[in-house]
Amino acid sequence: MTPMKFDSAAIGEQQARHQREEFTGALRALLMTPLMTPAQGGFAAVRRHADALREWFVREAGWPLHIERDAARLYKRPADLDDATRGLPGYERRRYVLLCLACAALERADPQITLRVLGDRLLALAADPDLAALGFTFTLQAQHERRELVAVCKTLLELGVLQRVAGDEEGFVRGGAEGSDALHDALYDVQRRLLAGVLAASRGPSTWPADEAPATLEARLAALVAEHVPDSDEGRRTALRHHLARRLLDDPVIYFDRLDAELRAYFMNQRGTMAARLCEATGLVAEQRAEGLALADEDGELTDVAMPAEGTEAHVTLLVAEFLTARTATSVSEAEVAAFIASARQRFGSFWRKSAREAGSEHELAATALARLQRLQLVMRDGTQVRTLPALARFAVGEAEIKPAAPATTGNLFD
């Protein structure tokens, strides 16, 4: 091979490797941020690989991907609708109601809106008798209600639905207490294209006639993500594969005993092939156990709850995980976990923040640690009892093995 041919081949291989790495980065960016704007890292790569990404997500998970000049939306639809650990950080039922009302108010708003006007329109929507009948009230009179509105606005800012032009949200929160709230406000641009992509449902909830709308919460959730499945063997196999791929990409682990008979039979036969294909594209690493399969991210980027991680809560969670691995045969009470943290404080408390070193803090730390482990599907909680799940074994720490020191060398550095 002549030098010129060798150089051309090396350059071609390097370009191909760069393309694969960029595709993987764009795919991972969409998995973490399904609603992307040009302000987010990876958006340019997403646009460059638009066709390949659309094909991959539809083939592997059945998720549609829309990419335009100023936005990209991966319509991720969860496979497990019963997982209550999902959702926006800090959000509970009331805040989700406020987020929905804010989106409804913005849908009818001008291209620019102030925080105060948004609050006034949200008040009008919150006065709906149906919401009042469910016990929902919102007046914006108290400071905590102003803070709730600001929290919702910050979520919409992070999503790119709102873009701040001027003003300060924190001043709006404090303004009412100071009696000069008229001086504090914020002005936003409303990005309607992104607003339209917030809801990743297969059918909009407003498309049902009032007398045909699903009645219960479970029925509404199922109806929002219901998809057509062709009445054929191939169609049913594709639906099973998409369901499992969604769980592998979205959940920390899949346990066989949590699947119904049809899913379990398919997964038992196909898990190796599926894992290899998904890992090749995403850069994840498959961990197969007798109880199930997990796709782990060694970089800790593709997760909402990294473990291990920095900080007092993360350190306590790791200690609790090790504590629980020695008690897989029986359930443990939350009081026992708190007692363990209190004892661990004597040994590790110097590394913790000041408030975590105070007596009595172990109960809050235990609740936080167990909530993190539950989100990672490493434990199950039944009331005050905690039961470990098989994947927790990856955090077991064995006894330290002390090896004899190697004989000292007598040579110099150049031997």
Protein backbone atom coordinates (compact mmCIF):
# COMPACT_ATOMS: atom_id res chain seq x y z
CA MET A 1 0.00 0.00 0.00
CA THR A 2 1.40 3.38 -0.96
CA PRO A 3 1.63 6.12 1.73
CA MET A 4 -1.10 8.15 -0.01
CA LYS A 5 -3.55 5.19 0.00
CA PHE A 6 -2.71 4.48 3.63
CA ASP A 7 -3.42 8.10 4.58
CA SER A 8 -6.74 8.06 2.74
CA ALA A 9 -7.82 4.86 4.49
CA ALA A 10 -6.81 6.22 7.91
CA ILE A 11 -8.68 9.47 7.31
CA GLY A 12 -11.75 7.55 6.17
CA GLU A 13 -11.70 5.39 9.30
CA GLN A 14 -11.27 8.45 11.49
CA GLN A 15 -14.20 10.20 9.81
CA ALA A 16 -16.37 7.12 10.19
CA ARG A 17 -15.47 6.86 13.89
CA HIS A 18 -16.25 10.54 14.38
CA GLN A 19 -19.64 10.05 12.69
CA ARG A 20 -20.48 7.11 14.97
CA GLU A 21 -19.43 9.00 18.09
CA GLU A 22 -21.40 12.08 17.08
CA PHE A 23 -24.48 9.95 16.34
CA THR A 24 -24.21 8.32 19.76
CA GLY A 25 -23.82 11.72 21.43
CA ALA A 26 -26.88 13.09 19.63
CA LEU A 27 -28.92 10.01 20.53
CA ARG A 28 -27.95 10.29 24.20
CA ALA A 29 -28.72 14.02 24.20
CA LEU A 30 -32.25 13.32 22.95
CA LEU A 31 -32.79 10.60 25.55
CA MET A 32 -31.89 13.05 28.33
CA THR A 33 -33.56 16.12 26.79
CA PRO A 34 -36.44 15.02 24.55
CA LEU A 35 -37.50 18.63 23.95
CA MET A 36 -34.39 20.41 22.65
CA THR A 37 -33.63 23.93 21.49
CA PRO A 38 -30.52 25.36 19.78
CA ALA A 39 -29.40 26.61 23.21
CA GLN A 40 -28.75 23.05 24.38
CA GLY A 41 -25.55 21.18 23.69
CA GLY A 42 -25.85 18.52 21.04
CA PHE A 43 -28.61 20.24 19.07
CA ALA A 44 -26.35 20.86 16.06
CA ALA A 45 -25.38 17.15 16.02
CA VAL A 46 -29.06 16.17 16.28
CA ARG A 47 -29.81 18.21 13.19
CA ARG A 48 -26.84 16.73 11.29
CA HIS A 49 -27.99 13.16 12.04
CA ALA A 50 -31.72 13.88 11.78
CA ASP A 51 -32.62 11.13 9.29
CA ALA A 52 -30.59 8.41 11.02
CA LEU A 53 -31.97 9.37 14.45
CA ARG A 54 -35.58 9.34 13.22
CA GLU A 55 -35.06 5.90 11.71
CA TRP A 56 -33.37 4.51 14.83
CA PHE A 57 -35.94 5.72 17.35
CA VAL A 58 -38.91 4.55 15.26
CA ARG A 59 -37.33 1.15 14.59
CA GLU A 60 -36.08 0.42 18.10
CA ALA A 61 -38.63 2.09 20.38
CA GLY A 62 -41.49 3.30 18.18
CA TRP A 63 -40.89 6.88 19.33
CA PRO A 64 -41.55 9.58 16.70
CA LEU A 65 -38.88 12.27 16.40
CA HIS A 66 -39.60 15.69 14.93
CA ILE A 67 -36.63 17.91 14.10
CA GLU A 68 -36.96 21.45 12.81
CA ARG A 69 -34.66 24.43 12.50
CA ASP A 70 -35.34 25.78 15.99
CA ALA A 71 -36.50 22.72 17.95
CA ALA A 72 -36.32 18.94 18.22
CA ARG A 73 -38.95 16.79 19.96
CA LEU A 74 -38.54 13.11 20.75
CA TYR A 75 -42.00 11.86 21.69
CA LYS A 76 -40.95 9.47 24.44
CA ARG A 77 -43.92 7.57 25.77
CA PRO A 78 -43.28 5.58 28.92
CA ALA A 79 -43.89 1.85 28.91
CA ASP A 80 -44.61 1.68 32.63
CA LEU A 81 -47.50 3.98 33.57
CA ASP A 82 -47.58 2.74 37.17
CA ASP A 83 -44.13 4.06 38.11
CA ALA A 84 -44.89 6.87 40.56
CA THR A 85 -41.21 7.83 40.89
CA ARG A 86 -41.18 9.51 37.47
CA GLY A 87 -41.79 13.17 36.89
CA LEU A 88 -40.29 16.63 37.19
CA PRO A 89 -38.13 17.23 40.29
CA GLY A 90 -40.09 18.99 43.05
CA TYR A 91 -43.42 18.44 41.34
CA GLU A 92 -46.49 16.97 43.00
CA ARG A 93 -50.09 16.88 41.91
CA ARG A 94 -50.87 20.54 42.66
CA ARG A 95 -47.85 21.89 40.77
CA TYR A 96 -48.67 19.73 37.75
CA VAL A 97 -52.15 21.29 37.74
CA LEU A 98 -50.55 24.75 37.74
CA LEU A 99 -48.20 23.74 34.89
CA CYS A 100 -51.17 22.55 32.79
CA LEU A 101 -53.08 25.77 33.51
CA ALA A 102 -50.04 27.88 32.64
CA CYS A 103 -49.65 26.05 29.30
CA ALA A 104 -53.37 26.59 28.59
CA ALA A 105 -53.00 30.31 29.37
CA LEU A 106 -49.92 30.61 27.13
CA GLU A 107 -51.72 28.85 24.29
CA ARG A 108 -54.10 31.81 24.06
CA ALA A 109 -51.50 34.50 24.88
CA ASP A 110 -49.76 37.07 22.66
CA PRO A 111 -46.14 36.39 21.55
CA GLN A 112 -45.00 38.25 24.67
CA ILE A 113 -46.45 38.03 28.16
CA THR A 114 -45.54 39.29 31.61
CA LEU A 115 -45.41 37.15 34.72
CA ARG A 116 -48.19 39.21 36.26
CA VAL A 117 -50.50 38.78 33.26
CA LEU A 118 -49.76 35.07 33.18
CA GLY A 119 -50.69 34.88 36.86
CA ASP A 120 -53.97 36.75 36.27
CA ARG A 121 -54.96 34.43 33.43
CA LEU A 122 -53.97 31.40 35.46
CA LEU A 123 -56.23 32.67 38.26
CA ALA A 124 -59.15 32.83 35.84
CA LEU A 125 -58.55 29.24 34.73
CA ALA A 126 -58.06 28.06 38.31
CA ALA A 127 -61.53 29.37 39.20
CA ASP A 128 -63.11 26.58 37.12
CA PRO A 129 -65.89 25.03 39.25
CA ASP A 130 -64.67 21.52 38.38
CA LEU A 131 -61.27 22.29 39.92
CA ALA A 132 -62.91 23.88 42.97
CA ALA A 133 -65.06 20.77 43.39
CA LEU A 134 -61.83 18.74 43.60
CA GLY A 135 -60.53 21.03 46.34
CA PHE A 136 -58.06 22.96 44.19
CA THR A 137 -57.66 26.65 45.06
CA PHE A 138 -55.12 29.20 43.87
CA THR A 139 -55.30 32.91 44.71
CA LEU A 140 -51.73 34.28 44.32
CA GLN A 141 -52.27 36.20 47.58
CA ALA A 142 -49.77 34.26 49.67
CA GLN A 143 -46.04 34.30 49.00
CA HIS A 144 -45.90 30.50 48.70
CA GLU A 145 -48.45 30.69 45.87
CA ARG A 146 -46.33 33.28 44.08
CA ARG A 147 -43.37 30.96 44.51
CA GLU A 148 -45.38 28.10 42.99
CA LEU A 149 -46.12 30.21 39.92
CA VAL A 150 -42.46 31.17 39.63
CA ALA A 151 -41.43 27.50 39.91
CA VAL A 152 -43.72 26.68 37.00
CA CYS A 153 -42.29 29.60 34.98
CA LYS A 154 -38.76 28.36 35.65
CA THR A 155 -39.74 24.93 34.33
CA LEU A 156 -41.09 26.56 31.16
CA LEU A 157 -37.88 28.60 30.89
CA GLU A 158 -35.80 25.42 31.11
CA LEU A 159 -37.94 23.80 28.42
CA GLY A 160 -37.47 26.85 26.20
CA VAL A 161 -41.22 27.54 26.06
CA LEU A 162 -40.57 30.92 27.72
CA GLN A 163 -37.57 33.11 27.07
CA ARG A 164 -36.91 35.91 29.57
CA VAL A 165 -36.67 39.36 27.98
CA ALA A 166 -36.45 41.46 31.16
CA GLY A 167 -37.34 41.39 34.84
CA ASP A 168 -36.83 39.14 37.84
CA GLU A 169 -39.03 36.30 39.12
CA GLU A 170 -37.66 36.44 42.66
CA GLY A 171 -38.63 40.09 42.92
CA PHE A 172 -42.20 39.09 42.02
CA VAL A 173 -42.22 36.59 44.89
CA ARG A 174 -40.92 39.11 47.44
CA GLY A 175 -42.88 42.05 46.06
CA GLY A 176 -46.19 41.12 47.65
CA ALA A 177 -44.70 40.92 51.12
CA GLU A 178 -43.14 44.34 50.70
CA GLY A 179 -46.36 45.92 49.50
CA SER A 180 -44.77 47.17 46.28
CA ASP A 181 -45.50 44.24 44.01
CA ALA A 182 -46.45 46.55 41.14
CA LEU A 183 -42.73 47.29 40.71
CA HIS A 184 -41.70 43.65 40.28
CA ASP A 185 -42.46 41.72 37.13
CA ALA A 186 -40.83 39.79 34.31
CA LEU A 187 -41.38 39.84 30.55
CA TYR A 188 -41.18 36.70 28.40
CA ASP A 189 -41.23 35.71 24.76
CA VAL A 190 -43.56 32.74 24.18
CA GLN A 191 -42.18 30.03 21.88
CA ARG A 192 -45.35 28.47 20.52
CA ARG A 193 -43.60 25.70 18.59
CA LEU A 194 -42.03 24.42 21.78
CA LEU A 195 -45.25 24.93 23.73
CA ALA A 196 -47.03 22.66 21.25
CA GLY A 197 -44.43 19.94 21.90
CA VAL A 198 -44.64 19.86 25.69
CA LEU A 199 -47.27 17.12 25.78
CA ALA A 200 -45.91 13.87 24.32
CA ALA A 201 -49.28 12.16 23.97
CA SER A 202 -50.43 10.10 21.01
CA ARG A 203 -53.82 11.81 21.28
CA GLY A 204 -54.59 15.19 22.82
CA PRO A 205 -56.88 15.10 25.88
CA SER A 206 -59.13 17.77 24.38
CA THR A 207 -59.99 15.53 21.40
CA TRP A 208 -62.41 13.42 23.42
CA PRO A 209 -66.04 14.52 23.61
CA ALA A 210 -67.04 15.30 27.20
CA ASP A 211 -69.31 12.26 27.45
CA GLU A 212 -66.64 9.89 26.05
CA ALA A 213 -63.59 11.06 28.00
CA PRO A 214 -61.89 8.42 30.18
CA ALA A 215 -63.15 8.68 33.74
CA THR A 216 -60.32 7.51 35.98
CA LEU A 217 -56.71 8.67 36.16
CA GLU A 218 -55.45 5.26 35.04
CA ALA A 219 -57.81 5.24 32.05
CA ARG A 220 -56.74 8.77 31.08
CA LEU A 221 -53.04 7.91 31.22
CA ALA A 222 -53.59 4.77 29.15
CA ALA A 223 -55.69 6.68 26.61
CA LEU A 224 -53.04 9.41 26.21
CA VAL A 225 -50.36 6.91 25.12
CA ALA A 226 -52.52 4.27 23.42
CA GLU A 227 -51.13 3.31 20.00
CA HIS A 228 -52.46 1.22 17.14
CA VAL A 229 -51.07 -2.32 17.03
CA PRO A 230 -51.55 -4.22 13.73
CA ASP A 231 -53.55 -7.40 14.18
CA SER A 232 -50.78 -9.73 13.03
CA ASP A 233 -48.00 -11.79 14.59
CA GLU A 234 -45.38 -9.37 13.29
CA GLY A 235 -47.32 -6.38 14.63
CA ARG A 236 -47.62 -7.93 18.09
CA ARG A 237 -43.91 -8.85 18.15
CA THR A 238 -42.98 -5.30 17.18
CA ALA A 239 -45.20 -3.91 19.96
CA LEU A 240 -43.51 -6.23 22.49
CA ARG A 241 -40.06 -5.20 21.28
CA HIS A 242 -40.90 -1.50 21.46
CA HIS A 243 -42.34 -1.89 24.96
CA LEU A 244 -39.19 -3.61 26.23
CA ALA A 245 -36.83 -1.21 24.44
CA ARG A 246 -38.63 1.75 26.03
CA ARG A 247 -38.19 0.21 29.45
CA LEU A 248 -34.53 -0.57 28.85
CA LEU A 249 -33.86 2.99 27.69
CA ASP A 250 -35.99 4.67 30.36
CA ASP A 251 -35.77 2.45 33.44
CA PRO A 252 -32.68 1.50 35.45
CA VAL A 253 -33.46 -2.22 35.27
CA ILE A 254 -36.07 -4.74 34.06
CA TYR A 255 -36.93 -7.62 36.37
CA PHE A 256 -38.46 -10.73 34.81
CA ASP A 257 -41.01 -11.12 37.60
CA ARG A 258 -42.47 -7.70 36.80
CA LEU A 259 -43.37 -8.67 33.24
CA ASP A 260 -46.51 -10.47 32.17
CA ALA A 261 -46.17 -13.94 30.64
CA GLU A 262 -46.09 -12.76 27.00
CA LEU A 263 -43.48 -10.04 27.62
CA ARG A 264 -41.38 -12.35 29.79
CA ALA A 265 -41.31 -15.11 27.16
CA TYR A 266 -40.25 -12.66 24.43
CA PHE A 267 -37.67 -10.96 26.67
CA MET A 268 -36.10 -14.26 27.76
CA ASN A 269 -35.39 -15.15 24.12
CA GLN A 270 -34.47 -11.74 22.76
CA ARG A 271 -32.79 -9.87 25.62
CA GLY A 272 -29.25 -10.57 24.45
CA THR A 273 -29.89 -9.35 20.90
CA MET A 274 -31.86 -6.34 22.09
CA ALA A 275 -29.24 -5.35 24.64
CA ALA A 276 -26.41 -5.63 22.10
CA ARG A 277 -28.25 -3.47 19.56
CA LEU A 278 -29.24 -0.79 22.07
CA CYS A 279 -25.82 -0.70 23.71
CA GLU A 280 -24.02 -0.36 20.37
CA ALA A 281 -26.01 2.79 19.54
CA THR A 282 -26.20 4.41 22.98
CA GLY A 283 -22.87 3.51 24.55
CA LEU A 284 -24.61 1.83 27.50
CA VAL A 285 -23.30 -1.37 29.07
CA ALA A 286 -25.54 -4.40 29.55
CA GLU A 287 -25.64 -6.17 32.93
CA GLN A 288 -27.44 -9.50 32.72
CA ARG A 289 -28.53 -11.25 35.89
CA ALA A 290 -30.71 -14.23 36.57
CA GLU A 291 -33.46 -11.84 37.70
CA GLY A 292 -33.36 -9.45 34.77
CA LEU A 293 -31.34 -7.02 32.70
CA ALA A 294 -30.05 -3.48 33.15
CA LEU A 295 -28.40 -1.08 30.74
CA ALA A 296 -25.93 0.89 32.83
CA ASP A 297 -24.28 4.15 31.90
CA GLU A 298 -20.70 4.09 33.19
CA ASP A 299 -20.41 7.86 32.76
CA GLY A 300 -23.49 8.50 34.91
CA GLU A 301 -24.88 10.98 32.37
CA LEU A 302 -28.02 9.18 31.21
CA THR A 303 -29.78 9.23 34.55
CA ASP A 304 -31.78 11.61 36.70
CA VAL A 305 -30.31 10.02 39.84
CA ALA A 306 -26.58 9.34 39.61
CA MET A 307 -25.07 6.76 41.94
CA PRO A 308 -22.44 7.15 43.17
CA ALA A 309 -22.44 10.93 43.20
CA GLU A 310 -21.11 13.83 45.21
CA GLY A 311 -22.83 15.38 48.23
CA THR A 312 -24.07 14.27 51.63
CA GLU A 313 -27.31 12.68 50.40
CA ALA A 314 -25.47 10.73 47.71
CA HIS A 315 -22.87 9.48 50.19
CA VAL A 316 -25.56 8.44 52.68
CA THR A 317 -27.46 6.67 49.89
CA LEU A 318 -24.35 4.66 49.01
CA LEU A 319 -23.86 3.72 52.67
CA VAL A 320 -27.50 2.67 52.99
CA ALA A 321 -27.20 0.58 49.81
CA GLU A 322 -24.24 -1.29 51.28
CA PHE A 323 -26.11 -1.69 54.56
CA LEU A 324 -29.14 -3.18 52.81
CA THR A 325 -27.15 -5.64 50.67
CA ALA A 326 -26.37 -7.60 53.81
CA ARG A 327 -30.10 -7.89 54.58
CA THR A 328 -31.55 -9.23 51.34
CA ALA A 329 -33.30 -12.13 53.05
CA THR A 330 -35.63 -10.00 55.17
CA SER A 331 -37.31 -6.64 54.99
CA VAL A 332 -35.90 -3.73 56.96
CA SER A 333 -37.84 -0.96 58.63
CA GLU A 334 -37.16 2.71 57.92
CA ALA A 335 -36.39 3.12 61.62
CA GLU A 336 -33.56 0.57 61.27
CA VAL A 337 -32.18 2.48 58.29
CA ALA A 338 -32.30 5.72 60.31
CA ALA A 339 -30.53 4.00 63.21
CA PHE A 340 -27.80 2.81 60.83
CA ILE A 341 -27.32 6.37 59.52
CA ALA A 342 -27.07 7.66 63.10
CA SER A 343 -24.32 5.14 63.79
CA ALA A 344 -22.56 5.90 60.51
CA ARG A 345 -22.54 9.58 61.42
CA GLN A 346 -19.86 8.92 64.03
CA ARG A 347 -17.54 7.49 61.38
CA PHE A 348 -18.37 9.54 58.30
CA GLY A 349 -20.08 12.65 59.67
CA SER A 350 -17.00 14.79 59.22
CA PHE A 351 -17.54 14.49 55.45
CA TRP A 352 -21.22 15.53 55.65
CA ARG A 353 -22.74 18.99 55.64
CA LYS A 354 -23.28 20.64 59.02
CA SER A 355 -27.05 20.08 59.29
CA ALA A 356 -26.61 16.35 58.54
CA ARG A 357 -24.26 16.02 61.52
CA GLU A 358 -26.97 17.08 63.99
CA ALA A 359 -28.88 14.53 66.07
CA GLY A 360 -32.29 13.71 64.57
CA SER A 361 -31.28 14.41 60.97
CA GLU A 362 -31.01 10.67 60.32
CA HIS A 363 -34.76 10.36 59.68
CA GLU A 364 -34.74 12.91 56.85
CA LEU A 365 -31.54 11.41 55.43
CA ALA A 366 -33.10 7.93 55.54
CA ALA A 367 -36.20 9.12 53.69
CA THR A 368 -34.05 10.80 51.02
CA ALA A 369 -31.74 7.80 50.59
CA LEU A 370 -34.61 5.33 50.32
CA ALA A 371 -36.43 7.55 47.82
CA ARG A 372 -33.29 7.63 45.63
CA LEU A 373 -32.88 3.84 45.85
CA GLN A 374 -36.54 3.37 45.00
CA ARG A 375 -36.22 5.59 41.90
CA LEU A 376 -33.29 3.42 40.81
CA GLN A 377 -35.45 0.31 41.38
CA LEU A 378 -33.00 -1.05 43.92
CA VAL A 379 -35.54 -1.30 46.76
CA MET A 380 -39.30 -1.56 47.20
CA ARG A 381 -41.18 0.18 50.02
CA ASP A 382 -44.36 -1.10 51.61
CA GLY A 383 -45.41 1.38 54.22
CA THR A 384 -42.46 1.68 56.59
CA GLN A 385 -40.88 -1.59 55.45
CA VAL A 386 -38.09 -1.73 52.87
CA ARG A 387 -37.36 -4.77 50.71
CA THR A 388 -34.22 -5.03 48.62
CA LEU A 389 -34.30 -5.88 44.92
CA PRO A 390 -31.68 -8.03 43.14
CA ALA A 391 -29.85 -5.21 41.31
CA LEU A 392 -28.83 -3.76 44.68
CA ALA A 393 -26.19 -6.50 44.82
CA ARG A 394 -23.99 -4.42 42.48
CA PHE A 395 -23.33 -2.13 45.45
CA ALA A 396 -22.27 -4.88 47.83
CA VAL A 397 -18.78 -4.38 49.16
CA GLY A 398 -16.86 -7.51 50.04
CA GLU A 399 -14.25 -7.94 52.71
CA ALA A 400 -11.01 -6.17 51.97
CA GLU A 401 -8.28 -8.48 50.72
CA ILE A 402 -4.87 -7.52 52.05
CA LYS A 403 -2.05 -8.83 49.89
CA PRO A 404 1.56 -9.06 51.09
CA ALA A 405 3.74 -6.27 49.87
CA ALA A 406 5.97 -7.02 46.90
CA PRO A 407 9.68 -7.34 47.64
CA ALA A 408 11.41 -4.02 47.51
CA THR A 409 13.41 -3.46 44.37
CA THR A 410 16.97 -2.42 44.62
CA GLY A 411 17.53 -1.29 41.08
CA ASN A 412 17.54 2.26 39.90
CA LEU A 413 15.07 3.95 37.57
CA PHE A 414 17.02 2.91 34.51
CA ASP A 415 17.13 -0.85 35.18
